Amino acid sequence: MAARYKRAVSNLLIGNDDFPAAAEKMLMDAGVLHANRRYDGAAYLAGYAVECSLKTILLMEALARATGATTAPSLALALATALPTIPAGVTNELKFKVKHQLALALNISLVHLHACGAVTRRYRRGVWPKLAVLRWTETSRYAAPGAVSAGKSRRWLGGAASVVATSVRAMRRDGVVTG
């Protein structure tokens, strides 16, 4: 099954980091792997899709603060004009807040996401109950072949798809994330 990426770069590319595009790319790749019975790889990439979605939410909150936007439409308008200067440590802070240990990241991110304002509230709504990937770690790529069952892969993929839909794809529909 050949997969094509619909989007190459989003309007949120900062340095080499493009969290929304990466979330969708990882989810698509996870689906291809799952369809080809490569369940370990599918589950692993599903975890990365969730990680990139969480980073996108946190980045949107930082952008809302940097632009003074109080609603998603006002943020979309501000971002259409120009990507604001992000305070120097924000992208590095995102990398540490939502690092590769997703279970730990969820605890850290819960604090930060609950502190987020109205701009990102709708993109956070319902994300946590949908997370089936709580035991995902970056070291899962080293697990023995067959360590992830078809059922577990399907659950993780479903959880990741819900998180990407609730966050990144909703932001695209609202015009906050483009490209």
N, C-alpha and C. Protein backbone atom coordinates (compact mmCIF):
# COMPACT_ATOMS: atom_id res chain seq x y z
N MET A 1 0.85 -1.17 0.00
CA MET A 1 0.00 0.00 0.00
C MET A 1 0.89 1.24 0.00
N ALA A 2 0.80 2.04 -1.02
CA ALA A 2 1.59 3.27 -1.09
C ALA A 2 0.85 4.38 -0.37
N ALA A 3 1.57 5.12 0.43
CA ALA A 3 0.98 6.25 1.15
C ALA A 3 1.60 7.54 0.67
N ARG A 4 0.80 8.54 0.52
CA ARG A 4 1.30 9.85 0.13
C ARG A 4 0.98 10.83 1.25
N TYR A 5 1.92 11.68 1.53
CA TYR A 5 1.68 12.70 2.54
C TYR A 5 0.92 13.84 1.89
N LYS A 6 -0.17 14.24 2.52
CA LYS A 6 -0.99 15.31 1.98
C LYS A 6 -0.34 16.66 2.19
N ARG A 7 0.37 16.80 3.28
CA ARG A 7 0.99 18.09 3.61
C ARG A 7 2.46 17.87 3.92
N ALA A 8 3.28 18.77 3.43
CA ALA A 8 4.70 18.62 3.70
C ALA A 8 5.11 19.45 4.90
N VAL A 9 4.67 20.71 4.97
CA VAL A 9 5.10 21.62 6.02
C VAL A 9 3.89 22.43 6.48
N SER A 10 3.75 22.61 7.78
CA SER A 10 2.66 23.44 8.29
C SER A 10 3.15 24.87 8.49
N ASN A 11 2.24 25.73 8.87
CA ASN A 11 2.60 27.11 9.19
C ASN A 11 3.31 27.21 10.52
N LEU A 12 3.48 26.11 11.23
CA LEU A 12 4.11 26.13 12.54
C LEU A 12 5.52 25.55 12.55
N LEU A 13 6.13 25.49 11.40
CA LEU A 13 7.51 25.00 11.34
C LEU A 13 8.41 25.99 12.08
N ILE A 14 9.07 25.48 13.10
CA ILE A 14 9.99 26.31 13.88
C ILE A 14 11.31 25.56 13.90
N GLY A 15 12.30 26.11 13.22
CA GLY A 15 13.56 25.38 13.06
C GLY A 15 13.28 24.15 12.24
N ASN A 16 13.62 22.99 12.76
CA ASN A 16 13.31 21.72 12.08
C ASN A 16 12.09 21.04 12.66
N ASP A 17 11.41 21.67 13.59
CA ASP A 17 10.29 21.05 14.29
C ASP A 17 8.97 21.49 13.68
N ASP A 18 8.19 20.52 13.24
CA ASP A 18 6.86 20.78 12.70
C ASP A 18 5.93 19.75 13.33
N PHE A 19 5.50 20.04 14.55
CA PHE A 19 4.73 19.08 15.33
C PHE A 19 3.42 18.65 14.69
N PRO A 20 2.60 19.59 14.13
CA PRO A 20 1.34 19.12 13.54
C PRO A 20 1.55 18.22 12.32
N ALA A 21 2.49 18.58 11.46
CA ALA A 21 2.76 17.74 10.28
C ALA A 21 3.32 16.39 10.72
N ALA A 22 4.16 16.39 11.74
CA ALA A 22 4.73 15.13 12.23
C ALA A 22 3.65 14.24 12.83
N ALA A 23 2.69 14.82 13.55
CA ALA A 23 1.60 14.03 14.15
C ALA A 23 0.83 13.30 13.06
N GLU A 24 0.48 14.00 12.01
CA GLU A 24 -0.29 13.38 10.93
C GLU A 24 0.55 12.36 10.15
N LYS A 25 1.81 12.67 9.95
CA LYS A 25 2.70 11.74 9.24
C LYS A 25 2.88 10.45 10.03
N MET A 26 3.12 10.58 11.33
CA MET A 26 3.32 9.40 12.17
C MET A 26 2.05 8.55 12.23
N LEU A 27 0.88 9.21 12.30
CA LEU A 27 -0.39 8.48 12.33
C LEU A 27 -0.60 7.72 11.02
N MET A 28 -0.31 8.37 9.90
CA MET A 28 -0.46 7.71 8.60
C MET A 28 0.48 6.51 8.49
N ASP A 29 1.72 6.70 8.89
CA ASP A 29 2.69 5.61 8.84
C ASP A 29 2.27 4.45 9.76
N ALA A 30 1.75 4.79 10.94
CA ALA A 30 1.28 3.76 11.87
C ALA A 30 0.15 2.95 11.23
N GLY A 31 -0.73 3.63 10.53
CA GLY A 31 -1.83 2.92 9.85
C GLY A 31 -1.33 1.97 8.78
N VAL A 32 -0.34 2.41 8.03
CA VAL A 32 0.23 1.56 6.98
C VAL A 32 0.91 0.34 7.61
N LEU A 33 1.65 0.56 8.66
CA LEU A 33 2.31 -0.57 9.34
C LEU A 33 1.28 -1.54 9.92
N HIS A 34 0.23 -1.01 10.54
CA HIS A 34 -0.80 -1.88 11.11
C HIS A 34 -1.48 -2.71 10.01
N ALA A 35 -1.80 -2.07 8.90
CA ALA A 35 -2.45 -2.78 7.78
C ALA A 35 -1.57 -3.89 7.23
N ASN A 36 -0.26 -3.72 7.38
CA ASN A 36 0.68 -4.73 6.90
C ASN A 36 1.17 -5.65 8.02
N ARG A 37 0.40 -5.69 9.11
CA ARG A 37 0.66 -6.58 10.25
C ARG A 37 2.01 -6.36 10.92
N ARG A 38 2.46 -5.13 10.87
CA ARG A 38 3.70 -4.74 11.57
C ARG A 38 3.27 -4.00 12.83
N TYR A 39 2.71 -4.76 13.78
CA TYR A 39 2.04 -4.18 14.93
C TYR A 39 2.98 -3.44 15.88
N ASP A 40 4.19 -3.94 16.04
CA ASP A 40 5.15 -3.27 16.92
C ASP A 40 5.44 -1.86 16.42
N GLY A 41 5.75 -1.76 15.14
CA GLY A 41 6.05 -0.46 14.54
C GLY A 41 4.84 0.46 14.53
N ALA A 42 3.66 -0.11 14.29
CA ALA A 42 2.43 0.69 14.26
C ALA A 42 2.17 1.31 15.63
N ALA A 43 2.30 0.51 16.68
CA ALA A 43 2.07 1.02 18.03
C ALA A 43 3.11 2.07 18.40
N TYR A 44 4.34 1.82 18.01
CA TYR A 44 5.42 2.77 18.30
C TYR A 44 5.14 4.13 17.65
N LEU A 45 4.78 4.13 16.38
CA LEU A 45 4.52 5.40 15.69
C LEU A 45 3.23 6.05 16.18
N ALA A 46 2.26 5.26 16.63
CA ALA A 46 1.05 5.83 17.21
C ALA A 46 1.40 6.67 18.44
N GLY A 47 2.33 6.19 19.23
CA GLY A 47 2.79 6.96 20.40
C GLY A 47 3.42 8.27 20.00
N TYR A 48 4.20 8.26 18.93
CA TYR A 48 4.80 9.51 18.45
C TYR A 48 3.74 10.47 17.92
N ALA A 49 2.69 9.96 17.31
CA ALA A 49 1.61 10.83 16.83
C ALA A 49 0.97 11.57 18.00
N VAL A 50 0.77 10.86 19.11
CA VAL A 50 0.21 11.49 20.31
C VAL A 50 1.18 12.52 20.86
N GLU A 51 2.44 12.18 20.96
CA GLU A 51 3.45 13.11 21.47
C GLU A 51 3.45 14.40 20.65
N CYS A 52 3.44 14.29 19.33
CA CYS A 52 3.47 15.47 18.48
C CYS A 52 2.18 16.28 18.59
N SER A 53 1.05 15.61 18.83
CA SER A 53 -0.21 16.32 19.04
C SER A 53 -0.17 17.13 20.32
N LEU A 54 0.35 16.53 21.39
CA LEU A 54 0.48 17.25 22.66
C LEU A 54 1.39 18.46 22.51
N LYS A 55 2.49 18.29 21.79
CA LYS A 55 3.41 19.40 21.56
C LYS A 55 2.73 20.50 20.75
N THR A 56 1.87 20.12 19.81
CA THR A 56 1.16 21.12 19.02
C THR A 56 0.23 21.95 19.90
N ILE A 57 -0.49 21.29 20.81
CA ILE A 57 -1.38 22.03 21.72
C ILE A 57 -0.58 23.01 22.57
N LEU A 58 0.52 22.53 23.13
CA LEU A 58 1.35 23.41 23.97
C LEU A 58 1.95 24.55 23.15
N LEU A 59 2.35 24.28 21.92
CA LEU A 59 2.88 25.33 21.06
C LEU A 59 1.80 26.36 20.75
N MET A 60 0.57 25.91 20.47
CA MET A 60 -0.52 26.84 20.18
C MET A 60 -0.77 27.75 21.37
N GLU A 61 -0.68 27.20 22.56
CA GLU A 61 -0.87 28.02 23.75
C GLU A 61 0.23 29.07 23.86
N ALA A 62 1.46 28.67 23.58
CA ALA A 62 2.57 29.64 23.61
C ALA A 62 2.37 30.72 22.55
N LEU A 63 1.89 30.33 21.37
CA LEU A 63 1.64 31.31 20.31
C LEU A 63 0.49 32.24 20.68
N ALA A 64 -0.53 31.71 21.32
CA ALA A 64 -1.64 32.55 21.76
C ALA A 64 -1.15 33.60 22.74
N ARG A 65 -0.30 33.18 23.65
CA ARG A 65 0.26 34.14 24.62
C ARG A 65 1.15 35.16 23.92
N ALA A 66 1.96 34.71 22.95
CA ALA A 66 2.88 35.61 22.26
C ALA A 66 2.13 36.64 21.40
N THR A 67 0.97 36.26 20.86
CA THR A 67 0.21 37.17 20.00
C THR A 67 -0.87 37.93 20.75
N GLY A 68 -1.19 37.50 21.96
CA GLY A 68 -2.29 38.11 22.70
C GLY A 68 -3.65 37.63 22.23
N ALA A 69 -3.67 36.58 21.41
CA ALA A 69 -4.94 36.04 20.90
C ALA A 69 -5.74 35.42 22.02
N THR A 70 -7.05 35.63 21.97
CA THR A 70 -7.92 35.07 23.00
C THR A 70 -8.92 34.06 22.44
N THR A 71 -8.96 33.92 21.12
CA THR A 71 -9.83 32.93 20.48
C THR A 71 -9.06 32.26 19.35
N ALA A 72 -9.53 31.09 18.92
CA ALA A 72 -8.89 30.40 17.80
C ALA A 72 -8.92 31.24 16.53
N PRO A 73 -10.05 31.90 16.18
CA PRO A 73 -10.04 32.74 14.97
C PRO A 73 -9.05 33.90 15.05
N SER A 74 -8.93 34.52 16.23
CA SER A 74 -7.97 35.63 16.34
C SER A 74 -6.53 35.11 16.25
N LEU A 75 -6.29 33.90 16.74
CA LEU A 75 -4.96 33.31 16.60
C LEU A 75 -4.68 32.96 15.15
N ALA A 76 -5.68 32.40 14.46
CA ALA A 76 -5.51 32.08 13.04
C ALA A 76 -5.17 33.33 12.24
N LEU A 77 -5.86 34.44 12.54
CA LEU A 77 -5.59 35.70 11.85
C LEU A 77 -4.17 36.19 12.15
N ALA A 78 -3.76 36.13 13.41
CA ALA A 78 -2.41 36.56 13.78
C ALA A 78 -1.35 35.71 13.10
N LEU A 79 -1.58 34.40 13.02
CA LEU A 79 -0.60 33.51 12.40
C LEU A 79 -0.58 33.67 10.89
N ALA A 80 -1.71 34.08 10.29
CA ALA A 80 -1.74 34.30 8.84
C ALA A 80 -0.88 35.49 8.46
N THR A 81 -0.76 36.44 9.37
CA THR A 81 0.05 37.63 9.12
C THR A 81 1.53 37.28 9.20
N ALA A 82 1.93 36.66 10.28
CA ALA A 82 3.32 36.26 10.46
C ALA A 82 3.43 35.41 11.71
N LEU A 83 4.34 34.45 11.67
CA LEU A 83 4.59 33.64 12.86
C LEU A 83 5.31 34.54 13.86
N PRO A 84 4.73 34.73 15.03
CA PRO A 84 5.36 35.63 15.99
C PRO A 84 6.68 35.09 16.50
N THR A 85 7.45 35.97 17.06
CA THR A 85 8.68 35.55 17.69
C THR A 85 8.32 34.80 18.96
N ILE A 86 8.77 33.59 19.02
CA ILE A 86 8.49 32.75 20.19
C ILE A 86 9.60 32.99 21.19
N PRO A 87 9.27 33.15 22.45
CA PRO A 87 10.33 33.30 23.45
C PRO A 87 11.38 32.19 23.30
N ALA A 88 12.62 32.54 23.45
CA ALA A 88 13.75 31.67 23.12
C ALA A 88 13.64 30.24 23.62
N GLY A 89 13.18 30.04 24.83
CA GLY A 89 13.20 28.68 25.36
C GLY A 89 11.96 27.85 25.08
N VAL A 90 10.97 28.37 24.37
CA VAL A 90 9.71 27.66 24.23
C VAL A 90 9.85 26.33 23.50
N THR A 91 10.54 26.31 22.36
CA THR A 91 10.63 25.04 21.64
C THR A 91 11.44 24.03 22.43
N ASN A 92 12.49 24.45 23.08
CA ASN A 92 13.25 23.52 23.91
C ASN A 92 12.41 23.07 25.10
N GLU A 93 11.63 23.99 25.67
CA GLU A 93 10.75 23.65 26.78
C GLU A 93 9.73 22.61 26.35
N LEU A 94 9.19 22.76 25.14
CA LEU A 94 8.24 21.78 24.62
C LEU A 94 8.88 20.41 24.51
N LYS A 95 10.12 20.38 24.05
CA LYS A 95 10.80 19.10 23.90
C LYS A 95 10.97 18.41 25.24
N PHE A 96 11.19 19.19 26.29
CA PHE A 96 11.38 18.58 27.60
C PHE A 96 10.05 18.26 28.27
N LYS A 97 9.03 19.10 28.08
CA LYS A 97 7.73 18.85 28.70
C LYS A 97 7.07 17.61 28.11
N VAL A 98 7.21 17.44 26.83
CA VAL A 98 6.57 16.30 26.16
C VAL A 98 7.69 15.52 25.49
N LYS A 99 8.56 14.98 26.31
CA LYS A 99 9.67 14.19 25.78
C LYS A 99 9.14 12.85 25.35
N HIS A 100 10.00 11.88 25.27
CA HIS A 100 9.58 10.60 24.72
C HIS A 100 8.85 9.69 25.69
N GLN A 101 9.00 9.90 26.97
CA GLN A 101 8.30 9.05 27.93
C GLN A 101 6.87 9.55 28.04
N LEU A 102 5.97 8.96 27.29
CA LEU A 102 4.61 9.49 27.20
C LEU A 102 3.89 9.46 28.53
N ALA A 103 4.04 8.42 29.31
CA ALA A 103 3.35 8.36 30.60
C ALA A 103 3.80 9.51 31.49
N LEU A 104 5.10 9.76 31.56
CA LEU A 104 5.61 10.89 32.32
C LEU A 104 5.15 12.19 31.67
N ALA A 105 5.20 12.25 30.37
CA ALA A 105 4.78 13.45 29.65
C ALA A 105 3.33 13.78 29.94
N LEU A 106 2.50 12.76 30.05
CA LEU A 106 1.09 13.01 30.33
C LEU A 106 0.92 13.69 31.68
N ASN A 107 1.66 13.23 32.69
CA ASN A 107 1.57 13.87 33.99
C ASN A 107 2.03 15.31 33.93
N ILE A 108 3.14 15.56 33.26
CA ILE A 108 3.65 16.91 33.12
C ILE A 108 2.70 17.74 32.27
N SER A 109 2.26 17.17 31.15
CA SER A 109 1.41 17.90 30.23
C SER A 109 0.04 18.20 30.82
N LEU A 110 -0.48 17.29 31.65
CA LEU A 110 -1.77 17.55 32.29
C LEU A 110 -1.73 18.87 33.04
N VAL A 111 -0.66 19.09 33.78
CA VAL A 111 -0.52 20.33 34.53
C VAL A 111 -0.49 21.51 33.57
N HIS A 112 0.32 21.42 32.54
CA HIS A 112 0.46 22.53 31.60
C HIS A 112 -0.80 22.71 30.76
N LEU A 113 -1.42 21.61 30.34
CA LEU A 113 -2.61 21.73 29.50
C LEU A 113 -3.80 22.25 30.29
N HIS A 114 -3.92 21.87 31.54
CA HIS A 114 -5.02 22.40 32.35
C HIS A 114 -4.82 23.89 32.63
N ALA A 115 -3.58 24.34 32.58
CA ALA A 115 -3.30 25.76 32.79
C ALA A 115 -3.46 26.56 31.50
N CYS A 116 -3.68 25.88 30.38
CA CYS A 116 -3.83 26.58 29.11
C CYS A 116 -5.13 27.37 29.10
N GLY A 117 -5.16 28.36 28.23
CA GLY A 117 -6.31 29.26 28.15
C GLY A 117 -7.38 28.78 27.20
N ALA A 118 -8.30 29.69 26.92
CA ALA A 118 -9.49 29.40 26.12
C ALA A 118 -9.15 29.06 24.67
N VAL A 119 -8.05 29.58 24.15
CA VAL A 119 -7.72 29.36 22.75
C VAL A 119 -7.54 27.88 22.46
N THR A 120 -6.89 27.17 23.34
CA THR A 120 -6.62 25.75 23.08
C THR A 120 -7.59 24.80 23.80
N ARG A 121 -8.52 25.35 24.54
CA ARG A 121 -9.42 24.49 25.33
C ARG A 121 -10.15 23.47 24.46
N ARG A 122 -10.69 23.90 23.34
CA ARG A 122 -11.46 22.98 22.50
C ARG A 122 -10.60 21.87 21.91
N TYR A 123 -9.29 22.12 21.77
CA TYR A 123 -8.40 21.11 21.20
C TYR A 123 -7.93 20.13 22.27
N ARG A 124 -8.15 20.47 23.52
CA ARG A 124 -7.79 19.59 24.62
C ARG A 124 -8.97 18.77 25.10
N ARG A 125 -10.17 19.20 24.76
CA ARG A 125 -11.40 18.57 25.24
C ARG A 125 -11.44 17.09 24.84
N GLY A 126 -11.54 16.24 25.81
CA GLY A 126 -11.69 14.82 25.53
C GLY A 126 -10.43 14.08 25.14
N VAL A 127 -9.28 14.75 25.14
CA VAL A 127 -8.04 14.09 24.72
C VAL A 127 -7.65 12.99 25.70
N TRP A 128 -7.67 13.27 26.99
CA TRP A 128 -7.12 12.33 27.97
C TRP A 128 -7.87 11.02 28.03
N PRO A 129 -9.21 11.01 28.01
CA PRO A 129 -9.88 9.69 28.04
C PRO A 129 -9.59 8.83 26.81
N LYS A 130 -9.14 9.44 25.73
CA LYS A 130 -8.92 8.70 24.50
C LYS A 130 -7.53 8.08 24.42
N LEU A 131 -6.69 8.37 25.37
CA LEU A 131 -5.32 7.89 25.28
C LEU A 131 -5.22 6.43 25.70
N ALA A 132 -5.01 5.58 24.70
CA ALA A 132 -4.83 4.16 24.97
C ALA A 132 -3.34 3.82 24.97
N VAL A 133 -2.50 4.83 24.81
CA VAL A 133 -1.07 4.59 24.64
C VAL A 133 -0.27 4.96 25.89
N LEU A 134 -0.88 4.82 27.05
CA LEU A 134 -0.23 5.28 28.28
C LEU A 134 1.06 4.55 28.61
N ARG A 135 1.23 3.35 28.11
CA ARG A 135 2.45 2.60 28.44
C ARG A 135 3.50 2.70 27.35
N TRP A 136 3.28 3.59 26.39
CA TRP A 136 4.23 3.77 25.30
C TRP A 136 5.50 4.44 25.82
N THR A 137 6.65 3.98 25.34
CA THR A 137 7.92 4.65 25.61
C THR A 137 8.74 4.61 24.33
N GLU A 138 9.71 5.49 24.25
CA GLU A 138 10.56 5.49 23.06
C GLU A 138 11.37 4.21 22.95
N THR A 139 11.54 3.50 24.04
CA THR A 139 12.32 2.26 23.99
C THR A 139 11.48 1.08 23.51
N SER A 140 10.19 1.30 23.26
CA SER A 140 9.36 0.20 22.75
C SER A 140 9.85 -0.28 21.39
N ARG A 141 10.63 0.54 20.73
CA ARG A 141 11.17 0.12 19.43
C ARG A 141 12.18 -1.03 19.58
N TYR A 142 12.66 -1.25 20.79
CA TYR A 142 13.63 -2.32 21.02
C TYR A 142 12.97 -3.62 21.47
N ALA A 143 11.66 -3.62 21.61
CA ALA A 143 10.96 -4.82 22.07
C ALA A 143 11.12 -5.95 21.05
N ALA A 144 11.04 -7.15 21.54
CA ALA A 144 11.15 -8.31 20.66
C ALA A 144 10.00 -8.29 19.64
N PRO A 145 10.26 -8.77 18.44
CA PRO A 145 9.19 -8.84 17.45
C PRO A 145 7.98 -9.60 18.01
N GLY A 146 6.80 -9.06 17.79
CA GLY A 146 5.59 -9.69 18.28
C GLY A 146 5.20 -9.26 19.69
N ALA A 147 5.95 -8.34 20.27
CA ALA A 147 5.65 -7.90 21.64
C ALA A 147 4.31 -7.16 21.70
N VAL A 148 3.89 -6.57 20.59
CA VAL A 148 2.61 -5.87 20.54
C VAL A 148 1.64 -6.70 19.71
N SER A 149 0.51 -7.02 20.30
CA SER A 149 -0.51 -7.82 19.60
C SER A 149 -1.27 -6.94 18.61
N ALA A 150 -2.00 -7.59 17.73
CA ALA A 150 -2.84 -6.87 16.77
C ALA A 150 -3.86 -6.02 17.52
N GLY A 151 -4.44 -6.56 18.58
CA GLY A 151 -5.44 -5.82 19.35
C GLY A 151 -4.87 -4.59 20.03
N LYS A 152 -3.70 -4.76 20.63
CA LYS A 152 -3.07 -3.62 21.30
C LYS A 152 -2.69 -2.56 20.27
N SER A 153 -2.14 -2.99 19.15
CA SER A 153 -1.79 -2.05 18.09
C SER A 153 -3.03 -1.29 17.62
N ARG A 154 -4.13 -1.99 17.45
CA ARG A 154 -5.39 -1.36 17.01
C ARG A 154 -5.87 -0.35 18.04
N ARG A 155 -5.80 -0.69 19.34
CA ARG A 155 -6.22 0.24 20.40
C ARG A 155 -5.34 1.48 20.43
N TRP A 156 -4.03 1.27 20.32
CA TRP A 156 -3.12 2.41 20.35
C TRP A 156 -3.32 3.29 19.12
N LEU A 157 -3.50 2.66 17.98
CA LEU A 157 -3.74 3.40 16.75
C LEU A 157 -5.05 4.19 16.85
N GLY A 158 -6.09 3.56 17.39
CA GLY A 158 -7.38 4.24 17.58
C GLY A 158 -7.27 5.41 18.54
N GLY A 159 -6.54 5.22 19.63
CA GLY A 159 -6.33 6.31 20.59
C GLY A 159 -5.57 7.46 19.97
N ALA A 160 -4.53 7.12 19.21
CA ALA A 160 -3.73 8.17 18.55
C ALA A 160 -4.57 8.90 17.51
N ALA A 161 -5.38 8.17 16.76
CA ALA A 161 -6.23 8.81 15.75
C ALA A 161 -7.21 9.78 16.40
N SER A 162 -7.76 9.40 17.55
CA SER A 162 -8.68 10.29 18.26
C SER A 162 -7.98 11.55 18.74
N VAL A 163 -6.78 11.39 19.27
CA VAL A 163 -6.03 12.55 19.76
C VAL A 163 -5.67 13.49 18.61
N VAL A 164 -5.19 12.94 17.50
CA VAL A 164 -4.83 13.77 16.34
C VAL A 164 -6.08 14.48 15.80
N ALA A 165 -7.20 13.77 15.74
CA ALA A 165 -8.44 14.38 15.23
C ALA A 165 -8.92 15.50 16.14
N THR A 166 -8.85 15.28 17.46
CA THR A 166 -9.32 16.26 18.42
C THR A 166 -8.43 17.50 18.45
N SER A 167 -7.16 17.33 18.18
CA SER A 167 -6.23 18.45 18.30
C SER A 167 -5.81 18.98 16.93
N VAL A 168 -4.88 18.32 16.29
CA VAL A 168 -4.27 18.84 15.06
C VAL A 168 -5.29 19.02 13.94
N ARG A 169 -6.12 18.04 13.69
CA ARG A 169 -7.08 18.16 12.59
C ARG A 169 -8.15 19.20 12.88
N ALA A 170 -8.54 19.32 14.15
CA ALA A 170 -9.50 20.38 14.51
C ALA A 170 -8.86 21.75 14.31
N MET A 171 -7.58 21.87 14.63
CA MET A 171 -6.87 23.14 14.40
C MET A 171 -6.81 23.46 12.91
N ARG A 172 -6.62 22.45 12.09
CA ARG A 172 -6.62 22.67 10.63
C ARG A 172 -8.01 23.14 10.17
N ARG A 173 -9.07 22.49 10.66
CA ARG A 173 -10.43 22.91 10.28
C ARG A 173 -10.69 24.36 10.67
N ASP A 174 -10.15 24.78 11.80
CA ASP A 174 -10.35 26.14 12.28
C ASP A 174 -9.42 27.15 11.62
N GLY A 175 -8.50 26.67 10.81
CA GLY A 175 -7.58 27.57 10.13
C GLY A 175 -6.40 28.02 10.96
N VAL A 176 -6.24 27.44 12.15
CA VAL A 176 -5.12 27.81 13.02
C VAL A 176 -3.84 27.16 12.51
N VAL A 177 -3.95 25.90 12.10
CA VAL A 177 -2.81 25.20 11.47
C VAL A 177 -3.12 25.12 9.99
N THR A 178 -2.21 25.57 9.18
CA THR A 178 -2.36 25.53 7.73
C THR A 178 -1.15 24.88 7.10
N GLY A 179 -1.25 24.63 5.81
CA GLY A 179 -0.11 24.07 5.07
C GLY A 179 -0.20 22.59 4.88
